[in-house]
N, C-alpha and C. Protein backbone atom coordinates (compact mmCIF):
# COMPACT_ATOMS: atom_id res chain seq x y z
N MET A 1 6.08 0.09 14.28
CA MET A 1 4.81 0.26 13.57
C MET A 1 4.98 1.27 12.42
N SER A 2 4.36 0.97 11.32
CA SER A 2 4.40 1.82 10.16
C SER A 2 3.05 2.56 10.01
N ALA A 3 2.90 3.36 8.99
CA ALA A 3 1.65 4.08 8.76
C ALA A 3 1.43 4.27 7.28
N ILE A 4 0.18 4.23 6.86
CA ILE A 4 -0.21 4.53 5.48
C ILE A 4 -1.32 5.59 5.52
N THR A 5 -1.36 6.37 4.46
CA THR A 5 -2.40 7.36 4.34
C THR A 5 -2.66 7.60 2.83
N GLY A 6 -3.72 8.30 2.54
CA GLY A 6 -3.95 8.62 1.12
C GLY A 6 -5.29 9.29 0.91
N PHE A 7 -5.52 9.66 -0.33
CA PHE A 7 -6.78 10.32 -0.66
C PHE A 7 -7.11 10.11 -2.15
N ILE A 8 -8.35 10.27 -2.41
CA ILE A 8 -8.90 10.40 -3.80
C ILE A 8 -9.65 11.70 -3.79
N ASP A 9 -9.19 12.68 -4.58
CA ASP A 9 -9.84 13.97 -4.63
C ASP A 9 -10.47 14.17 -6.05
N PHE A 10 -11.79 14.07 -6.01
CA PHE A 10 -12.55 14.17 -7.29
C PHE A 10 -12.65 15.62 -7.70
N SER A 11 -12.50 16.57 -6.76
CA SER A 11 -12.50 18.02 -7.13
C SER A 11 -11.15 18.46 -7.68
N LYS A 12 -10.15 17.65 -7.55
CA LYS A 12 -8.76 17.95 -8.05
C LYS A 12 -8.20 19.21 -7.44
N LYS A 13 -8.37 19.39 -6.14
CA LYS A 13 -7.85 20.57 -5.43
C LYS A 13 -6.64 20.22 -4.58
N SER A 14 -6.21 18.96 -4.64
CA SER A 14 -5.04 18.51 -3.83
C SER A 14 -3.76 18.60 -4.69
N ASN A 15 -2.63 18.36 -4.06
CA ASN A 15 -1.36 18.29 -4.78
C ASN A 15 -0.35 17.48 -3.99
N LEU A 16 0.80 17.30 -4.59
CA LEU A 16 1.86 16.48 -3.98
C LEU A 16 2.33 17.10 -2.67
N GLU A 17 2.35 18.43 -2.65
CA GLU A 17 2.78 19.14 -1.41
C GLU A 17 1.86 18.76 -0.23
N ILE A 18 0.58 18.74 -0.40
CA ILE A 18 -0.36 18.37 0.61
C ILE A 18 -0.12 16.93 1.09
N LEU A 19 0.03 16.05 0.12
CA LEU A 19 0.28 14.65 0.44
C LEU A 19 1.59 14.50 1.22
N THR A 20 2.60 15.22 0.81
CA THR A 20 3.92 15.12 1.52
C THR A 20 3.80 15.62 2.95
N LYS A 21 3.05 16.71 3.16
CA LYS A 21 2.85 17.25 4.51
C LYS A 21 2.11 16.24 5.39
N ILE A 22 1.04 15.63 4.85
CA ILE A 22 0.30 14.61 5.58
C ILE A 22 1.24 13.49 5.95
N ASN A 23 2.01 13.01 5.01
CA ASN A 23 2.89 11.88 5.24
C ASN A 23 4.00 12.23 6.26
N ASN A 24 4.49 13.43 6.21
CA ASN A 24 5.56 13.84 7.12
C ASN A 24 5.09 13.88 8.58
N THR A 25 3.78 14.16 8.79
CA THR A 25 3.24 14.14 10.16
C THR A 25 3.29 12.74 10.78
N LEU A 26 3.55 11.76 9.98
CA LEU A 26 3.54 10.36 10.45
C LEU A 26 4.93 9.86 10.74
N SER A 27 5.95 10.72 10.79
CA SER A 27 7.32 10.26 10.89
C SER A 27 7.56 9.46 12.18
N TYR A 28 6.82 9.74 13.24
CA TYR A 28 6.98 9.03 14.48
C TYR A 28 6.54 7.56 14.35
N ARG A 29 5.70 7.29 13.34
CA ARG A 29 5.21 5.92 13.12
C ARG A 29 6.13 5.10 12.22
N GLY A 30 6.92 5.76 11.43
CA GLY A 30 7.82 5.10 10.49
C GLY A 30 9.03 5.93 10.21
N PRO A 31 10.01 5.92 11.09
CA PRO A 31 11.18 6.79 10.95
C PRO A 31 12.17 6.31 9.89
N ASP A 32 12.08 5.10 9.42
CA ASP A 32 13.13 4.53 8.55
C ASP A 32 12.97 4.91 7.08
N GLU A 33 11.73 5.13 6.67
CA GLU A 33 11.50 5.30 5.23
C GLU A 33 10.19 6.09 4.98
N SER A 34 10.20 6.86 3.96
CA SER A 34 9.01 7.62 3.60
C SER A 34 8.82 7.58 2.07
N GLY A 35 7.59 7.43 1.64
CA GLY A 35 7.38 7.44 0.21
C GLY A 35 5.97 7.93 -0.14
N THR A 36 5.85 8.51 -1.31
CA THR A 36 4.56 9.02 -1.77
C THR A 36 4.34 8.72 -3.23
N LEU A 37 3.12 8.63 -3.64
CA LEU A 37 2.76 8.50 -5.05
C LEU A 37 1.60 9.45 -5.27
N PHE A 38 1.72 10.36 -6.25
CA PHE A 38 0.63 11.31 -6.58
C PHE A 38 0.37 11.15 -8.05
N GLU A 39 -0.83 10.99 -8.40
CA GLU A 39 -1.24 10.83 -9.81
C GLU A 39 -2.56 11.52 -10.07
N GLU A 40 -2.66 12.09 -11.23
CA GLU A 40 -3.94 12.70 -11.64
C GLU A 40 -4.41 12.01 -12.94
N ASN A 41 -5.67 11.63 -12.94
CA ASN A 41 -6.22 11.07 -14.20
C ASN A 41 -7.48 11.90 -14.53
N GLU A 42 -8.24 11.48 -15.50
CA GLU A 42 -9.39 12.28 -15.93
C GLU A 42 -10.44 12.36 -14.86
N TYR A 43 -10.45 11.49 -13.88
CA TYR A 43 -11.50 11.45 -12.84
C TYR A 43 -11.13 12.12 -11.53
N ALA A 44 -9.88 12.01 -11.13
CA ALA A 44 -9.52 12.46 -9.79
C ALA A 44 -8.00 12.54 -9.66
N GLN A 45 -7.60 13.07 -8.48
CA GLN A 45 -6.20 13.00 -8.05
C GLN A 45 -6.11 11.92 -7.02
N ILE A 46 -5.08 11.09 -7.12
CA ILE A 46 -4.89 9.98 -6.19
C ILE A 46 -3.55 10.20 -5.50
N GLY A 47 -3.59 10.15 -4.19
CA GLY A 47 -2.36 10.30 -3.41
C GLY A 47 -2.22 9.13 -2.44
N LEU A 48 -1.07 8.48 -2.41
CA LEU A 48 -0.78 7.42 -1.46
C LEU A 48 0.51 7.75 -0.73
N GLY A 49 0.48 7.59 0.60
CA GLY A 49 1.65 7.90 1.37
C GLY A 49 1.96 6.75 2.33
N ASN A 50 3.24 6.61 2.66
CA ASN A 50 3.67 5.55 3.50
C ASN A 50 4.84 5.94 4.35
N ARG A 51 4.79 5.65 5.64
CA ARG A 51 5.95 5.80 6.53
C ARG A 51 6.22 4.39 7.01
N ARG A 52 7.53 4.01 7.01
CA ARG A 52 7.84 2.63 7.29
C ARG A 52 8.85 2.47 8.42
N LEU A 53 8.52 1.56 9.35
CA LEU A 53 9.48 1.09 10.34
C LEU A 53 10.06 -0.21 9.75
N GLN A 54 11.32 -0.21 9.36
CA GLN A 54 11.93 -1.31 8.68
C GLN A 54 12.03 -2.55 9.60
N ILE A 55 11.46 -3.66 9.14
CA ILE A 55 11.52 -4.91 9.91
C ILE A 55 12.32 -5.96 9.16
N ILE A 56 12.00 -6.09 7.87
CA ILE A 56 12.58 -7.23 7.14
C ILE A 56 13.80 -6.82 6.30
N GLU A 57 13.69 -5.85 5.45
CA GLU A 57 14.79 -5.56 4.51
C GLU A 57 14.80 -4.08 4.18
N ALA A 58 16.00 -3.57 4.06
CA ALA A 58 16.15 -2.18 3.62
C ALA A 58 16.90 -2.13 2.32
N ASN A 59 16.17 -2.02 1.19
CA ASN A 59 16.80 -1.79 -0.10
C ASN A 59 15.80 -1.11 -1.01
N GLU A 60 16.27 -0.66 -2.14
CA GLU A 60 15.40 0.12 -3.06
C GLU A 60 14.18 -0.69 -3.54
N GLN A 61 14.32 -2.01 -3.71
CA GLN A 61 13.24 -2.79 -4.24
C GLN A 61 12.13 -2.96 -3.19
N GLY A 62 12.43 -2.78 -1.93
CA GLY A 62 11.41 -2.91 -0.91
C GLY A 62 10.72 -1.60 -0.52
N LYS A 63 11.10 -0.50 -1.20
CA LYS A 63 10.57 0.79 -0.88
C LYS A 63 9.09 0.90 -1.21
N LEU A 64 8.40 1.68 -0.44
CA LEU A 64 6.97 1.93 -0.68
C LEU A 64 6.74 3.39 -1.05
N PRO A 65 5.74 3.69 -1.84
CA PRO A 65 4.84 2.81 -2.52
C PRO A 65 5.63 1.89 -3.49
N ILE A 66 5.16 0.66 -3.51
CA ILE A 66 5.79 -0.33 -4.37
C ILE A 66 4.90 -0.47 -5.65
N GLN A 67 5.51 -0.68 -6.77
CA GLN A 67 4.78 -0.78 -8.03
C GLN A 67 5.13 -2.12 -8.74
N TYR A 68 4.11 -2.72 -9.29
CA TYR A 68 4.26 -3.96 -10.03
C TYR A 68 3.18 -3.99 -11.14
N LYS A 69 3.57 -4.11 -12.37
CA LYS A 69 2.65 -4.08 -13.51
C LYS A 69 1.78 -2.83 -13.41
N ASN A 70 0.46 -2.97 -13.34
CA ASN A 70 -0.43 -1.86 -13.32
C ASN A 70 -0.89 -1.47 -11.93
N PHE A 71 -0.17 -1.99 -10.88
CA PHE A 71 -0.55 -1.73 -9.49
C PHE A 71 0.45 -0.90 -8.74
N SER A 72 -0.03 -0.05 -7.89
CA SER A 72 0.80 0.66 -6.89
C SER A 72 0.18 0.37 -5.50
N MET A 73 1.05 0.22 -4.50
CA MET A 73 0.57 -0.17 -3.18
C MET A 73 1.37 0.47 -2.07
N VAL A 74 0.65 0.83 -1.02
CA VAL A 74 1.24 1.17 0.27
C VAL A 74 0.72 0.18 1.30
N ALA A 75 1.56 -0.16 2.26
CA ALA A 75 1.15 -1.22 3.18
C ALA A 75 1.79 -1.02 4.56
N ASP A 76 1.06 -1.44 5.53
CA ASP A 76 1.56 -1.61 6.88
C ASP A 76 1.27 -3.08 7.15
N ALA A 77 2.24 -3.93 6.91
CA ALA A 77 1.98 -5.38 6.90
C ALA A 77 3.15 -6.17 7.50
N GLU A 78 2.78 -7.25 8.06
CA GLU A 78 3.75 -8.24 8.55
C GLU A 78 3.20 -9.62 8.18
N ILE A 79 3.48 -9.98 6.91
CA ILE A 79 2.96 -11.22 6.39
C ILE A 79 3.92 -12.34 6.84
N LEU A 80 3.47 -13.09 7.83
CA LEU A 80 4.35 -14.08 8.45
C LEU A 80 4.68 -15.27 7.55
N ASN A 81 3.82 -15.61 6.66
CA ASN A 81 4.03 -16.72 5.75
C ASN A 81 4.41 -16.27 4.34
N PHE A 82 5.04 -15.09 4.24
CA PHE A 82 5.35 -14.59 2.89
C PHE A 82 6.34 -15.42 2.12
N GLN A 83 7.21 -16.16 2.83
CA GLN A 83 8.17 -17.01 2.12
C GLN A 83 7.43 -18.16 1.38
N GLU A 84 6.44 -18.74 2.03
CA GLU A 84 5.66 -19.81 1.41
C GLU A 84 4.87 -19.28 0.20
N ILE A 85 4.29 -18.09 0.37
CA ILE A 85 3.55 -17.48 -0.74
C ILE A 85 4.50 -17.12 -1.89
N LYS A 86 5.67 -16.64 -1.55
CA LYS A 86 6.66 -16.31 -2.55
C LYS A 86 7.07 -17.57 -3.35
N THR A 87 7.23 -18.67 -2.67
CA THR A 87 7.60 -19.90 -3.36
C THR A 87 6.53 -20.30 -4.31
N GLU A 88 5.26 -20.21 -3.88
CA GLU A 88 4.14 -20.55 -4.77
C GLU A 88 4.06 -19.61 -5.98
N LEU A 89 4.26 -18.32 -5.72
CA LEU A 89 4.20 -17.34 -6.84
C LEU A 89 5.37 -17.54 -7.81
N SER A 90 6.53 -17.91 -7.29
CA SER A 90 7.70 -18.21 -8.13
C SER A 90 7.39 -19.38 -9.06
N SER A 91 6.72 -20.38 -8.51
CA SER A 91 6.35 -21.54 -9.35
C SER A 91 5.33 -21.19 -10.44
N LEU A 92 4.65 -20.04 -10.25
CA LEU A 92 3.69 -19.59 -11.25
C LEU A 92 4.30 -18.59 -12.23
N GLY A 93 5.65 -18.37 -12.10
CA GLY A 93 6.33 -17.52 -13.07
C GLY A 93 6.72 -16.15 -12.53
N HIS A 94 6.40 -15.81 -11.32
CA HIS A 94 6.76 -14.51 -10.75
C HIS A 94 8.24 -14.52 -10.38
N SER A 95 8.89 -13.37 -10.60
CA SER A 95 10.30 -13.22 -10.14
C SER A 95 10.32 -12.01 -9.23
N PHE A 96 11.18 -12.07 -8.27
CA PHE A 96 11.24 -11.04 -7.20
C PHE A 96 12.62 -10.38 -7.17
N GLN A 97 12.59 -9.13 -6.78
CA GLN A 97 13.83 -8.31 -6.69
C GLN A 97 14.32 -8.13 -5.27
N SER A 98 13.56 -8.62 -4.27
CA SER A 98 13.88 -8.34 -2.87
C SER A 98 13.41 -9.51 -1.99
N GLN A 99 13.67 -9.31 -0.73
CA GLN A 99 13.16 -10.26 0.30
C GLN A 99 11.99 -9.63 1.05
N SER A 100 11.39 -8.64 0.50
CA SER A 100 10.33 -7.87 1.16
C SER A 100 8.98 -8.60 1.10
N ASP A 101 8.31 -8.62 2.23
CA ASP A 101 6.95 -9.19 2.26
C ASP A 101 5.97 -8.35 1.46
N THR A 102 6.24 -7.05 1.34
CA THR A 102 5.32 -6.22 0.57
C THR A 102 5.45 -6.48 -0.96
N GLU A 103 6.60 -6.87 -1.40
CA GLU A 103 6.74 -7.24 -2.80
C GLU A 103 5.93 -8.50 -3.07
N VAL A 104 5.97 -9.43 -2.13
CA VAL A 104 5.18 -10.66 -2.23
C VAL A 104 3.66 -10.32 -2.22
N LEU A 105 3.28 -9.37 -1.38
CA LEU A 105 1.87 -8.98 -1.26
C LEU A 105 1.35 -8.42 -2.57
N ILE A 106 2.09 -7.54 -3.24
CA ILE A 106 1.62 -6.98 -4.51
C ILE A 106 1.56 -8.00 -5.64
N HIS A 107 2.55 -8.89 -5.61
CA HIS A 107 2.52 -9.98 -6.61
C HIS A 107 1.33 -10.91 -6.35
N ALA A 108 1.03 -11.18 -5.09
CA ALA A 108 -0.10 -12.01 -4.74
C ALA A 108 -1.42 -11.40 -5.23
N PHE A 109 -1.54 -10.05 -5.05
CA PHE A 109 -2.73 -9.37 -5.52
C PHE A 109 -2.82 -9.44 -7.05
N ALA A 110 -1.72 -9.26 -7.70
CA ALA A 110 -1.71 -9.32 -9.18
C ALA A 110 -2.11 -10.73 -9.67
N GLU A 111 -1.75 -11.74 -8.96
CA GLU A 111 -2.05 -13.13 -9.35
C GLU A 111 -3.46 -13.56 -8.99
N TRP A 112 -3.89 -13.27 -7.76
CA TRP A 112 -5.16 -13.81 -7.25
C TRP A 112 -6.24 -12.78 -6.99
N GLY A 113 -5.91 -11.50 -7.20
CA GLY A 113 -6.89 -10.45 -6.92
C GLY A 113 -7.16 -10.37 -5.40
N ILE A 114 -8.33 -9.89 -5.05
CA ILE A 114 -8.61 -9.67 -3.59
C ILE A 114 -8.63 -10.99 -2.83
N ASP A 115 -8.81 -12.12 -3.49
CA ASP A 115 -8.76 -13.42 -2.81
C ASP A 115 -7.41 -13.74 -2.20
N CYS A 116 -6.42 -12.94 -2.56
CA CYS A 116 -5.03 -13.16 -1.98
C CYS A 116 -5.07 -13.08 -0.48
N VAL A 117 -5.97 -12.29 0.09
CA VAL A 117 -5.96 -12.06 1.53
C VAL A 117 -6.26 -13.35 2.32
N ASN A 118 -6.92 -14.32 1.65
CA ASN A 118 -7.21 -15.62 2.30
C ASN A 118 -5.91 -16.39 2.53
N ARG A 119 -4.87 -16.05 1.88
CA ARG A 119 -3.59 -16.79 2.01
C ARG A 119 -2.67 -16.15 3.08
N PHE A 120 -2.96 -14.92 3.48
CA PHE A 120 -2.04 -14.19 4.38
C PHE A 120 -2.21 -14.59 5.84
N ILE A 121 -1.11 -14.82 6.51
CA ILE A 121 -1.11 -15.02 7.94
C ILE A 121 -0.33 -13.87 8.52
N GLY A 122 -0.97 -13.13 9.43
CA GLY A 122 -0.32 -11.98 10.09
C GLY A 122 -1.14 -10.74 9.89
N PRO A 123 -0.78 -9.69 10.63
CA PRO A 123 -1.52 -8.42 10.58
C PRO A 123 -1.14 -7.61 9.34
N PHE A 124 -2.12 -6.99 8.72
CA PHE A 124 -1.86 -6.21 7.53
C PHE A 124 -2.94 -5.18 7.28
N ALA A 125 -2.55 -4.08 6.70
CA ALA A 125 -3.46 -3.10 6.15
C ALA A 125 -2.72 -2.60 4.92
N PHE A 126 -3.45 -2.54 3.78
CA PHE A 126 -2.84 -2.02 2.60
C PHE A 126 -3.84 -1.39 1.68
N VAL A 127 -3.34 -0.52 0.83
CA VAL A 127 -4.16 0.16 -0.17
C VAL A 127 -3.46 -0.17 -1.50
N ILE A 128 -4.23 -0.65 -2.46
CA ILE A 128 -3.68 -1.02 -3.76
C ILE A 128 -4.48 -0.30 -4.86
N TYR A 129 -3.77 0.36 -5.74
CA TYR A 129 -4.37 1.14 -6.80
C TYR A 129 -4.05 0.51 -8.15
N ASN A 130 -5.10 0.23 -8.91
CA ASN A 130 -4.93 -0.32 -10.25
C ASN A 130 -5.00 0.85 -11.23
N HIS A 131 -3.86 1.21 -11.85
CA HIS A 131 -3.82 2.31 -12.77
C HIS A 131 -4.63 2.17 -13.98
N PHE A 132 -4.73 0.93 -14.49
CA PHE A 132 -5.50 0.70 -15.73
C PHE A 132 -6.99 0.71 -15.52
N GLU A 133 -7.44 0.12 -14.45
CA GLU A 133 -8.88 0.04 -14.17
C GLU A 133 -9.42 1.20 -13.34
N ASN A 134 -8.54 2.06 -12.85
CA ASN A 134 -8.89 3.16 -11.96
C ASN A 134 -9.71 2.68 -10.78
N THR A 135 -9.19 1.64 -10.11
CA THR A 135 -9.86 1.08 -8.93
C THR A 135 -8.88 1.13 -7.78
N ILE A 136 -9.41 1.26 -6.57
CA ILE A 136 -8.59 1.26 -5.36
C ILE A 136 -9.26 0.26 -4.37
N HIS A 137 -8.44 -0.54 -3.79
CA HIS A 137 -8.90 -1.49 -2.69
C HIS A 137 -8.20 -1.06 -1.43
N LEU A 138 -9.00 -0.90 -0.38
CA LEU A 138 -8.50 -0.70 0.96
C LEU A 138 -8.72 -2.00 1.74
N VAL A 139 -7.68 -2.61 2.24
CA VAL A 139 -7.80 -3.97 2.81
C VAL A 139 -7.09 -4.01 4.15
N ARG A 140 -7.72 -4.71 5.09
CA ARG A 140 -7.04 -4.93 6.40
C ARG A 140 -7.29 -6.37 6.85
N ASP A 141 -6.49 -6.80 7.82
CA ASP A 141 -6.67 -8.14 8.37
C ASP A 141 -8.02 -8.27 9.07
N ARG A 142 -8.50 -9.44 9.19
CA ARG A 142 -9.84 -9.69 9.71
C ARG A 142 -10.00 -9.22 11.15
N SER A 143 -8.95 -9.29 11.92
CA SER A 143 -9.04 -8.91 13.36
C SER A 143 -8.85 -7.41 13.58
N GLY A 144 -8.43 -6.71 12.56
CA GLY A 144 -8.22 -5.27 12.71
C GLY A 144 -7.00 -4.92 13.50
N VAL A 145 -6.02 -5.83 13.54
CA VAL A 145 -4.76 -5.58 14.30
C VAL A 145 -4.12 -4.36 13.63
N LYS A 146 -4.13 -4.30 12.32
CA LYS A 146 -3.68 -3.10 11.61
C LYS A 146 -4.92 -2.37 11.13
N PRO A 147 -5.31 -1.40 11.90
CA PRO A 147 -6.57 -0.69 11.58
C PRO A 147 -6.46 0.12 10.31
N LEU A 148 -7.61 0.35 9.66
CA LEU A 148 -7.70 1.11 8.45
C LEU A 148 -8.99 1.91 8.49
N PHE A 149 -8.85 3.23 8.49
CA PHE A 149 -10.01 4.10 8.59
C PHE A 149 -10.14 4.87 7.26
N TYR A 150 -11.40 5.28 6.97
CA TYR A 150 -11.61 6.16 5.82
C TYR A 150 -12.78 7.12 6.08
N TYR A 151 -12.78 8.18 5.29
CA TYR A 151 -13.78 9.22 5.45
C TYR A 151 -14.11 9.73 4.02
N PHE A 152 -15.40 9.89 3.75
CA PHE A 152 -15.82 10.42 2.48
C PHE A 152 -16.74 11.59 2.70
N HIS A 153 -16.45 12.72 2.08
CA HIS A 153 -17.29 13.91 2.20
C HIS A 153 -17.17 14.70 0.91
N ASN A 154 -18.32 15.02 0.32
CA ASN A 154 -18.38 15.73 -0.96
C ASN A 154 -17.49 15.03 -1.98
N ASP A 155 -16.43 15.67 -2.42
CA ASP A 155 -15.59 15.13 -3.50
C ASP A 155 -14.29 14.55 -3.02
N LEU A 156 -14.19 14.35 -1.69
CA LEU A 156 -12.91 13.89 -1.12
C LEU A 156 -13.11 12.60 -0.34
N PHE A 157 -12.31 11.57 -0.74
CA PHE A 157 -12.20 10.32 -0.01
C PHE A 157 -10.88 10.32 0.63
N TYR A 158 -10.82 10.16 1.93
CA TYR A 158 -9.56 10.30 2.65
C TYR A 158 -9.39 9.13 3.63
N SER A 159 -8.16 8.61 3.68
CA SER A 159 -7.83 7.56 4.63
C SER A 159 -6.77 8.10 5.55
N PRO A 160 -7.15 8.51 6.74
CA PRO A 160 -6.17 9.05 7.71
C PRO A 160 -5.43 7.89 8.36
N PRO A 161 -4.27 8.17 8.91
CA PRO A 161 -3.54 7.14 9.64
C PRO A 161 -4.26 6.69 10.91
N ALA A 162 -4.14 5.46 11.26
CA ALA A 162 -4.76 4.96 12.51
C ALA A 162 -3.89 5.23 13.68
């Protein structure tokens, strides 16, 4: 099992050190890989963290947070039909650097937007940040196999690990 976490801090009182500490507390959920993304824009500070239990592939292109075009994403996902989706995306002009289902996931979101979830078979929870539009989507599978929680208070939006 892997874990994702993150925050949006509108008061801008957070930092990369806080995000790293939060992410490190999740090492028991994902001992194989750890990654963070911290960004500040005119509106807020955005932090995304990921701990990963490697299932499919271990290489640099499959590392999380993964970035593609204007998107960054962390995920706890097992997209069972990712090969079929990858084939369809390839026919639409997408090229891939890895065999990672998370790379397919971010390409699917870039191609079809939030409707991409209707194509996924398997448990998933992911957070995707659009750097150009300053939007964040928190998404989970319909059954909640991969739970996704969030909390909002004052100027802080926080998604703790499940």
